[in-house]
C-alpha cells in the first residue's frame, strides 16, 4: 500500500512503476541481481540485510530525510522489562547514538574518503611542483 505522499509524488514521476515484493530481502536480492533498479527501505534494516545476506554489489544511495530512532523491544507481557529498556534507551546521549548509528551502518556519511583526499592532495602537489618549476625556468 502506497502512502499518500508517495502516491502524490508518483504523479510527477510517471515513468516510475513501483513493484510490490513479499519482503525486504526479496527486494534487495532483486536490486542486487538487476531485476529492480532501486529499493526504498529503512537504512539500518537495509544495512543489516545486506550484511546478513552477504550482498556485496549494493550501495546505500543517501539519506531519506527520515530519522532512524534507536529502540528496543520486549514482550507486552513483561511491563517491568519494557520500563527498564525504555529508561536505558532514554539515557543514551546524542553523541553515543551517532556512534551507534555509524557503527551499525558501517559507513561515513557526508565525509570525504581518505583515498579521495590522498588523490586530491597528490594532484595538487604535482600541479604546484610543475608550476614552481615552470615559474623558476621562466624567470631564469
N, C-alpha and C. Protein backbone atom coordinates (compact mmCIF):
# COMPACT_ATOMS: atom_id res chain seq x y z
N UNK A 1 0.84 -1.18 0.00
CA UNK A 1 0.00 0.00 0.00
C UNK A 1 0.88 1.24 0.00
N UNK A 2 0.61 2.16 -0.90
CA UNK A 2 1.41 3.37 -1.02
C UNK A 2 0.89 4.44 -0.07
N UNK A 3 1.82 5.16 0.53
CA UNK A 3 1.41 6.26 1.39
C UNK A 3 0.91 7.42 0.53
N UNK A 4 0.20 8.33 1.17
CA UNK A 4 -0.37 9.47 0.45
C UNK A 4 0.72 10.30 -0.21
N UNK A 5 1.84 10.56 0.52
CA UNK A 5 2.91 11.38 -0.06
C UNK A 5 3.57 10.66 -1.23
N UNK A 6 3.74 9.33 -1.15
CA UNK A 6 4.34 8.59 -2.25
C UNK A 6 3.42 8.60 -3.46
N UNK A 7 2.10 8.43 -3.23
CA UNK A 7 1.14 8.49 -4.34
C UNK A 7 1.18 9.85 -5.02
N UNK A 8 1.26 10.93 -4.24
CA UNK A 8 1.28 12.26 -4.83
C UNK A 8 2.58 12.50 -5.60
N UNK A 9 3.71 11.93 -5.12
CA UNK A 9 4.97 12.09 -5.84
C UNK A 9 4.99 11.29 -7.14
N UNK A 10 4.27 10.19 -7.20
CA UNK A 10 4.24 9.39 -8.41
C UNK A 10 3.55 10.13 -9.56
N UNK A 11 2.74 11.12 -9.23
CA UNK A 11 2.10 11.93 -10.26
C UNK A 11 3.18 12.66 -11.06
N UNK A 12 4.23 13.12 -10.39
CA UNK A 12 5.31 13.86 -11.04
C UNK A 12 6.31 12.93 -11.74
N UNK A 13 6.39 11.70 -11.30
CA UNK A 13 7.33 10.74 -11.86
C UNK A 13 6.56 9.58 -12.47
N UNK A 14 5.94 9.84 -13.59
CA UNK A 14 5.04 8.85 -14.19
C UNK A 14 5.79 7.65 -14.76
N UNK A 15 7.09 7.77 -15.00
CA UNK A 15 7.85 6.64 -15.54
C UNK A 15 8.27 5.65 -14.45
N UNK A 16 8.07 6.01 -13.20
CA UNK A 16 8.39 5.11 -12.09
C UNK A 16 7.21 4.17 -11.87
N UNK A 17 7.50 2.89 -11.91
CA UNK A 17 6.45 1.90 -11.69
C UNK A 17 6.82 1.06 -10.47
N UNK A 18 6.28 1.36 -9.30
CA UNK A 18 6.62 0.56 -8.10
C UNK A 18 6.19 -0.89 -8.27
N UNK A 19 7.04 -1.78 -7.82
CA UNK A 19 6.77 -3.22 -7.88
C UNK A 19 6.68 -3.76 -6.46
N UNK A 20 5.54 -4.31 -6.08
CA UNK A 20 5.45 -4.86 -4.71
C UNK A 20 6.29 -6.13 -4.58
N UNK A 21 6.89 -6.30 -3.41
CA UNK A 21 7.65 -7.51 -3.10
C UNK A 21 7.13 -8.08 -1.79
N UNK A 22 7.37 -9.36 -1.57
CA UNK A 22 6.83 -10.01 -0.37
C UNK A 22 7.56 -9.56 0.89
N UNK A 23 8.87 -9.29 0.79
CA UNK A 23 9.62 -8.79 1.94
C UNK A 23 10.85 -8.04 1.46
N UNK A 24 11.55 -7.40 2.40
CA UNK A 24 12.71 -6.57 2.06
C UNK A 24 13.87 -7.39 1.50
N UNK A 25 14.04 -8.62 1.96
CA UNK A 25 15.11 -9.47 1.44
C UNK A 25 14.91 -9.74 -0.05
N UNK A 26 13.69 -10.04 -0.42
CA UNK A 26 13.38 -10.29 -1.83
C UNK A 26 13.66 -9.04 -2.66
N UNK A 27 13.29 -7.88 -2.15
CA UNK A 27 13.52 -6.64 -2.86
C UNK A 27 15.00 -6.34 -3.04
N UNK A 28 15.78 -6.51 -1.98
CA UNK A 28 17.22 -6.25 -2.08
C UNK A 28 17.90 -7.27 -2.98
N UNK A 29 17.47 -8.51 -2.93
CA UNK A 29 18.03 -9.50 -3.87
C UNK A 29 17.69 -9.13 -5.31
N UNK A 30 16.47 -8.61 -5.52
CA UNK A 30 16.07 -8.17 -6.86
C UNK A 30 16.92 -7.01 -7.35
N UNK A 31 17.23 -6.06 -6.47
CA UNK A 31 18.10 -4.94 -6.86
C UNK A 31 19.51 -5.48 -7.13
N UNK A 32 19.98 -6.38 -6.31
CA UNK A 32 21.32 -6.95 -6.46
C UNK A 32 21.48 -7.69 -7.79
N UNK A 33 20.44 -8.40 -8.22
CA UNK A 33 20.54 -9.18 -9.45
C UNK A 33 20.10 -8.41 -10.69
N UNK A 34 19.63 -7.18 -10.51
CA UNK A 34 19.25 -6.36 -11.66
C UNK A 34 17.79 -6.46 -12.05
N UNK A 35 16.99 -7.19 -11.29
CA UNK A 35 15.56 -7.28 -11.59
C UNK A 35 14.89 -5.93 -11.33
N UNK A 36 15.31 -5.27 -10.26
CA UNK A 36 14.78 -3.95 -9.90
C UNK A 36 15.91 -2.93 -10.00
N UNK A 37 15.55 -1.67 -10.21
CA UNK A 37 16.54 -0.60 -10.29
C UNK A 37 16.94 -0.08 -8.92
N UNK A 38 16.00 -0.02 -8.01
CA UNK A 38 16.27 0.55 -6.69
C UNK A 38 15.21 0.07 -5.71
N UNK A 39 15.47 0.33 -4.44
CA UNK A 39 14.51 -0.02 -3.40
C UNK A 39 14.60 1.03 -2.30
N UNK A 40 13.49 1.35 -1.73
CA UNK A 40 13.45 2.30 -0.62
C UNK A 40 13.04 1.55 0.63
N UNK A 41 13.92 1.58 1.63
CA UNK A 41 13.59 1.00 2.92
C UNK A 41 14.48 1.62 3.98
N UNK A 42 14.21 1.30 5.22
CA UNK A 42 14.96 1.84 6.34
C UNK A 42 16.44 1.53 6.17
N UNK A 43 17.27 2.55 6.33
CA UNK A 43 18.71 2.43 6.09
C UNK A 43 19.36 1.40 7.01
N UNK A 44 18.98 1.42 8.27
CA UNK A 44 19.59 0.46 9.21
C UNK A 44 19.18 -0.98 8.87
N UNK A 45 17.91 -1.16 8.53
CA UNK A 45 17.45 -2.50 8.20
C UNK A 45 18.09 -2.96 6.89
N UNK A 46 18.20 -2.06 5.93
CA UNK A 46 18.85 -2.40 4.66
C UNK A 46 20.29 -2.83 4.91
N UNK A 47 21.01 -2.09 5.75
CA UNK A 47 22.40 -2.43 6.06
C UNK A 47 22.49 -3.80 6.72
N UNK A 48 21.54 -4.07 7.61
CA UNK A 48 21.52 -5.37 8.29
C UNK A 48 21.30 -6.50 7.29
N UNK A 49 20.33 -6.34 6.40
CA UNK A 49 20.02 -7.39 5.42
C UNK A 49 21.20 -7.58 4.47
N UNK A 50 21.79 -6.49 4.01
CA UNK A 50 22.93 -6.58 3.10
C UNK A 50 24.07 -7.36 3.76
N UNK A 51 24.34 -7.06 5.03
CA UNK A 51 25.39 -7.78 5.76
C UNK A 51 25.01 -9.24 5.98
N UNK A 52 23.77 -9.47 6.41
CA UNK A 52 23.31 -10.83 6.70
C UNK A 52 23.32 -11.72 5.46
N UNK A 53 22.90 -11.17 4.33
CA UNK A 53 22.81 -11.94 3.09
C UNK A 53 24.13 -11.99 2.33
N UNK A 54 25.12 -11.20 2.76
CA UNK A 54 26.41 -11.19 2.08
C UNK A 54 26.34 -10.54 0.71
N UNK A 55 25.46 -9.58 0.54
CA UNK A 55 25.31 -8.89 -0.75
C UNK A 55 26.42 -7.85 -0.84
N UNK A 56 27.23 -7.95 -1.89
CA UNK A 56 28.40 -7.06 -1.99
C UNK A 56 28.26 -6.00 -3.08
N UNK A 57 27.26 -6.09 -3.91
CA UNK A 57 27.19 -5.15 -5.04
C UNK A 57 26.13 -4.07 -4.87
N UNK A 58 25.72 -3.79 -3.65
CA UNK A 58 24.74 -2.74 -3.40
C UNK A 58 25.36 -1.60 -2.63
N UNK A 59 24.83 -0.41 -2.87
CA UNK A 59 25.31 0.78 -2.17
C UNK A 59 24.09 1.56 -1.69
N UNK A 60 24.16 2.03 -0.47
CA UNK A 60 23.09 2.88 0.05
C UNK A 60 23.28 4.25 -0.58
N UNK A 61 22.25 4.73 -1.27
CA UNK A 61 22.38 5.93 -2.10
C UNK A 61 22.42 7.21 -1.28
N UNK A 62 21.73 7.30 -0.18
CA UNK A 62 21.76 8.54 0.58
C UNK A 62 20.69 8.59 1.62
N UNK A 63 20.58 9.77 2.19
CA UNK A 63 19.62 9.98 3.26
C UNK A 63 18.21 10.10 2.70
N UNK A 64 17.27 9.57 3.45
CA UNK A 64 15.87 9.64 3.03
C UNK A 64 15.17 10.87 3.58
N UNK A 65 15.77 11.51 4.56
CA UNK A 65 15.12 12.65 5.19
C UNK A 65 14.34 12.25 6.43
N UNK A 66 14.28 10.96 6.70
CA UNK A 66 13.57 10.48 7.88
C UNK A 66 14.57 10.09 8.96
N UNK A 67 14.19 10.27 10.20
CA UNK A 67 15.05 9.97 11.33
C UNK A 67 14.89 8.50 11.71
N UNK A 68 16.01 7.81 11.86
CA UNK A 68 16.00 6.43 12.34
C UNK A 68 16.19 6.46 13.85
N UNK A 69 15.22 6.02 14.57
CA UNK A 69 15.30 6.05 16.03
C UNK A 69 15.80 4.71 16.56
N UNK A 70 16.64 4.80 17.59
CA UNK A 70 17.05 3.59 18.28
C UNK A 70 15.90 3.11 19.14
N UNK A 71 15.70 1.83 19.21
CA UNK A 71 14.62 1.31 20.03
C UNK A 71 14.97 -0.10 20.50
N UNK A 72 14.24 -0.55 21.47
CA UNK A 72 14.40 -1.90 22.00
C UNK A 72 13.00 -2.48 22.15
N UNK A 73 12.90 -3.78 21.99
CA UNK A 73 11.59 -4.43 22.07
C UNK A 73 11.56 -5.43 23.22
N UNK A 74 10.40 -5.54 23.82
CA UNK A 74 10.18 -6.52 24.88
C UNK A 74 8.73 -6.97 24.79
N UNK A 75 8.46 -8.11 25.35
CA UNK A 75 7.10 -8.65 25.34
C UNK A 75 6.15 -7.73 26.10
N UNK A 76 4.95 -7.58 25.58
CA UNK A 76 3.93 -6.77 26.24
C UNK A 76 3.53 -7.39 27.58
N UNK A 77 3.84 -8.66 27.74
CA UNK A 77 3.51 -9.36 28.98
C UNK A 77 4.52 -9.08 30.09
N UNK A 78 5.59 -8.34 29.77
CA UNK A 78 6.61 -8.03 30.76
C UNK A 78 6.81 -6.52 30.86
N UNK A 79 5.87 -5.82 31.53
CA UNK A 79 5.97 -4.36 31.61
C UNK A 79 7.18 -3.87 32.40
N UNK A 80 7.68 -4.65 33.33
CA UNK A 80 8.85 -4.24 34.10
C UNK A 80 10.07 -4.16 33.18
N UNK A 81 10.27 -5.21 32.37
CA UNK A 81 11.39 -5.20 31.43
C UNK A 81 11.24 -4.07 30.41
N UNK A 82 10.02 -3.83 29.94
CA UNK A 82 9.78 -2.73 28.99
C UNK A 82 10.17 -1.39 29.61
N UNK A 83 9.82 -1.19 30.87
CA UNK A 83 10.19 0.05 31.56
C UNK A 83 11.69 0.20 31.71
N UNK A 84 12.36 -0.89 32.04
CA UNK A 84 13.82 -0.85 32.19
C UNK A 84 14.46 -0.50 30.85
N UNK A 85 14.02 -1.15 29.78
CA UNK A 85 14.59 -0.88 28.46
C UNK A 85 14.33 0.56 28.02
N UNK A 86 13.13 1.05 28.30
CA UNK A 86 12.78 2.42 27.93
C UNK A 86 13.69 3.42 28.65
N UNK A 87 13.92 3.20 29.94
CA UNK A 87 14.81 4.08 30.70
C UNK A 87 16.25 3.99 30.18
N UNK A 88 16.68 2.80 29.83
CA UNK A 88 18.05 2.62 29.33
C UNK A 88 18.24 3.35 28.00
N UNK A 89 17.29 3.22 27.08
CA UNK A 89 17.39 3.89 25.79
C UNK A 89 17.36 5.40 25.96
N UNK A 90 16.54 5.88 26.90
CA UNK A 90 16.46 7.33 27.15
C UNK A 90 17.77 7.89 27.69
N UNK A 91 18.60 7.06 28.30
CA UNK A 91 19.86 7.52 28.88
C UNK A 91 21.00 7.61 27.86
N UNK A 92 20.79 7.12 26.65
CA UNK A 92 21.84 7.16 25.63
C UNK A 92 21.99 8.59 25.14
N UNK A 93 23.20 9.12 25.22
CA UNK A 93 23.46 10.50 24.81
C UNK A 93 23.41 10.62 23.27
N UNK A 94 23.13 11.82 22.76
CA UNK A 94 23.12 12.00 21.30
C UNK A 94 24.45 11.61 20.64
N UNK A 95 25.56 11.90 21.31
CA UNK A 95 26.87 11.54 20.75
C UNK A 95 27.00 10.03 20.64
N UNK A 96 26.58 9.31 21.68
CA UNK A 96 26.64 7.85 21.66
C UNK A 96 25.71 7.30 20.60
N UNK A 97 24.53 7.91 20.44
CA UNK A 97 23.60 7.47 19.39
C UNK A 97 24.25 7.60 18.02
N UNK A 98 24.93 8.72 17.76
CA UNK A 98 25.61 8.91 16.47
C UNK A 98 26.67 7.83 16.26
N UNK A 99 27.43 7.51 17.33
CA UNK A 99 28.45 6.46 17.23
C UNK A 99 27.81 5.11 16.92
N UNK A 100 26.68 4.83 17.58
CA UNK A 100 25.98 3.57 17.33
C UNK A 100 25.45 3.48 15.90
N UNK A 101 24.88 4.59 15.41
CA UNK A 101 24.41 4.62 14.02
C UNK A 101 25.57 4.37 13.07
N UNK A 102 26.68 5.05 13.31
CA UNK A 102 27.83 4.91 12.44
C UNK A 102 28.37 3.47 12.48
N UNK A 103 28.43 2.90 13.67
CA UNK A 103 28.90 1.52 13.80
C UNK A 103 27.94 0.55 13.11
N UNK A 104 26.64 0.76 13.31
CA UNK A 104 25.64 -0.13 12.72
C UNK A 104 25.65 -0.02 11.21
N UNK A 105 25.72 1.20 10.70
CA UNK A 105 25.67 1.40 9.26
C UNK A 105 27.02 1.16 8.60
N UNK A 106 28.10 1.18 9.39
CA UNK A 106 29.44 0.92 8.90
C UNK A 106 29.79 1.79 7.70
N UNK A 107 29.49 3.08 7.81
CA UNK A 107 29.84 4.00 6.74
C UNK A 107 29.95 5.41 7.27
N UNK A 108 30.71 6.21 6.56
CA UNK A 108 30.84 7.62 6.88
C UNK A 108 29.91 8.36 5.94
N UNK A 109 28.98 9.11 6.48
CA UNK A 109 28.04 9.86 5.65
C UNK A 109 28.52 11.30 5.55
N UNK A 110 28.48 11.85 4.36
CA UNK A 110 28.86 13.24 4.10
C UNK A 110 30.31 13.55 4.48
N UNK A 111 31.20 12.61 4.29
CA UNK A 111 32.61 12.86 4.53
C UNK A 111 33.40 12.45 3.30
N UNK A 112 34.61 13.00 3.17
CA UNK A 112 35.48 12.68 2.04
C UNK A 112 36.30 11.46 2.43
N UNK A 113 36.37 10.47 1.54
CA UNK A 113 37.15 9.27 1.86
C UNK A 113 38.64 9.60 1.86
N UNK A 114 39.40 8.82 2.59
CA UNK A 114 40.84 9.06 2.69
C UNK A 114 41.52 8.84 1.35
N UNK A 115 41.02 7.91 0.54
CA UNK A 115 41.60 7.66 -0.78
C UNK A 115 41.42 8.88 -1.67
N UNK A 116 40.22 9.44 -1.67
CA UNK A 116 39.95 10.62 -2.48
C UNK A 116 40.79 11.80 -2.00
N UNK A 117 40.89 11.96 -0.69
CA UNK A 117 41.68 13.05 -0.13
C UNK A 117 43.15 12.91 -0.51
N UNK A 118 43.70 11.71 -0.42
CA UNK A 118 45.09 11.46 -0.80
C UNK A 118 45.31 11.75 -2.28
N UNK A 119 44.39 11.31 -3.12
CA UNK A 119 44.48 11.56 -4.56
C UNK A 119 44.45 13.05 -4.86
N UNK A 120 43.53 13.78 -4.24
CA UNK A 120 43.44 15.22 -4.46
C UNK A 120 44.70 15.94 -4.00
N UNK A 121 45.22 15.58 -2.83
CA UNK A 121 46.44 16.20 -2.32
C UNK A 121 47.63 15.90 -3.23
N UNK A 122 47.71 14.67 -3.72
CA UNK A 122 48.78 14.31 -4.66
C UNK A 122 48.69 15.11 -5.95
N UNK A 123 47.48 15.27 -6.47
CA UNK A 123 47.25 16.05 -7.68
C UNK A 123 47.64 17.51 -7.47
N UNK A 124 47.21 18.07 -6.37
CA UNK A 124 47.55 19.48 -6.05
C UNK A 124 49.06 19.64 -5.89
N UNK A 125 49.73 18.69 -5.25
CA UNK A 125 51.18 18.74 -5.08
C UNK A 125 51.88 18.68 -6.42
N UNK A 126 51.44 17.81 -7.30
CA UNK A 126 52.05 17.71 -8.64
C UNK A 126 51.88 19.01 -9.42
N UNK A 127 50.69 19.57 -9.41
CA UNK A 127 50.42 20.82 -10.13
C UNK A 127 51.28 21.95 -9.55
N UNK A 128 51.35 22.01 -8.22
CA UNK A 128 52.16 23.05 -7.58
C UNK A 128 53.63 22.90 -7.94
N UNK A 129 54.14 21.68 -7.93
CA UNK A 129 55.53 21.42 -8.29
C UNK A 129 55.81 21.83 -9.74
N UNK A 130 54.92 21.44 -10.65
CA UNK A 130 55.08 21.81 -12.06
C UNK A 130 55.03 23.32 -12.26
N UNK A 131 54.12 23.99 -11.57
CA UNK A 131 54.03 25.44 -11.68
C UNK A 131 55.29 26.12 -11.13
N UNK A 132 55.82 25.59 -10.03
CA UNK A 132 57.04 26.14 -9.45
C UNK A 132 58.22 25.96 -10.41
N UNK A 133 58.34 24.77 -10.99
CA UNK A 133 59.42 24.51 -11.96
C UNK A 133 59.27 25.43 -13.17
N UNK A 134 58.08 25.54 -13.70
CA UNK A 134 57.84 26.40 -14.86
C UNK A 134 58.15 27.85 -14.53
N UNK A 135 57.74 28.31 -13.35
CA UNK A 135 57.98 29.69 -12.94
C UNK A 135 59.48 29.95 -12.79
N UNK A 136 60.17 29.00 -12.14
CA UNK A 136 61.63 29.13 -11.97
C UNK A 136 62.34 29.15 -13.32
N UNK A 137 61.97 28.27 -14.22
CA UNK A 137 62.57 28.21 -15.55
C UNK A 137 62.28 29.48 -16.33
N UNK A 138 61.06 30.00 -16.20
CA UNK A 138 60.66 31.21 -16.92
C UNK A 138 61.43 32.43 -16.43
N UNK A 139 61.70 32.52 -15.14
CA UNK A 139 62.41 33.65 -14.56
C UNK A 139 63.88 33.62 -14.97
N UNK A 140 64.46 32.43 -15.01
CA UNK A 140 65.88 32.32 -15.36
C UNK A 140 66.04 32.54 -16.86
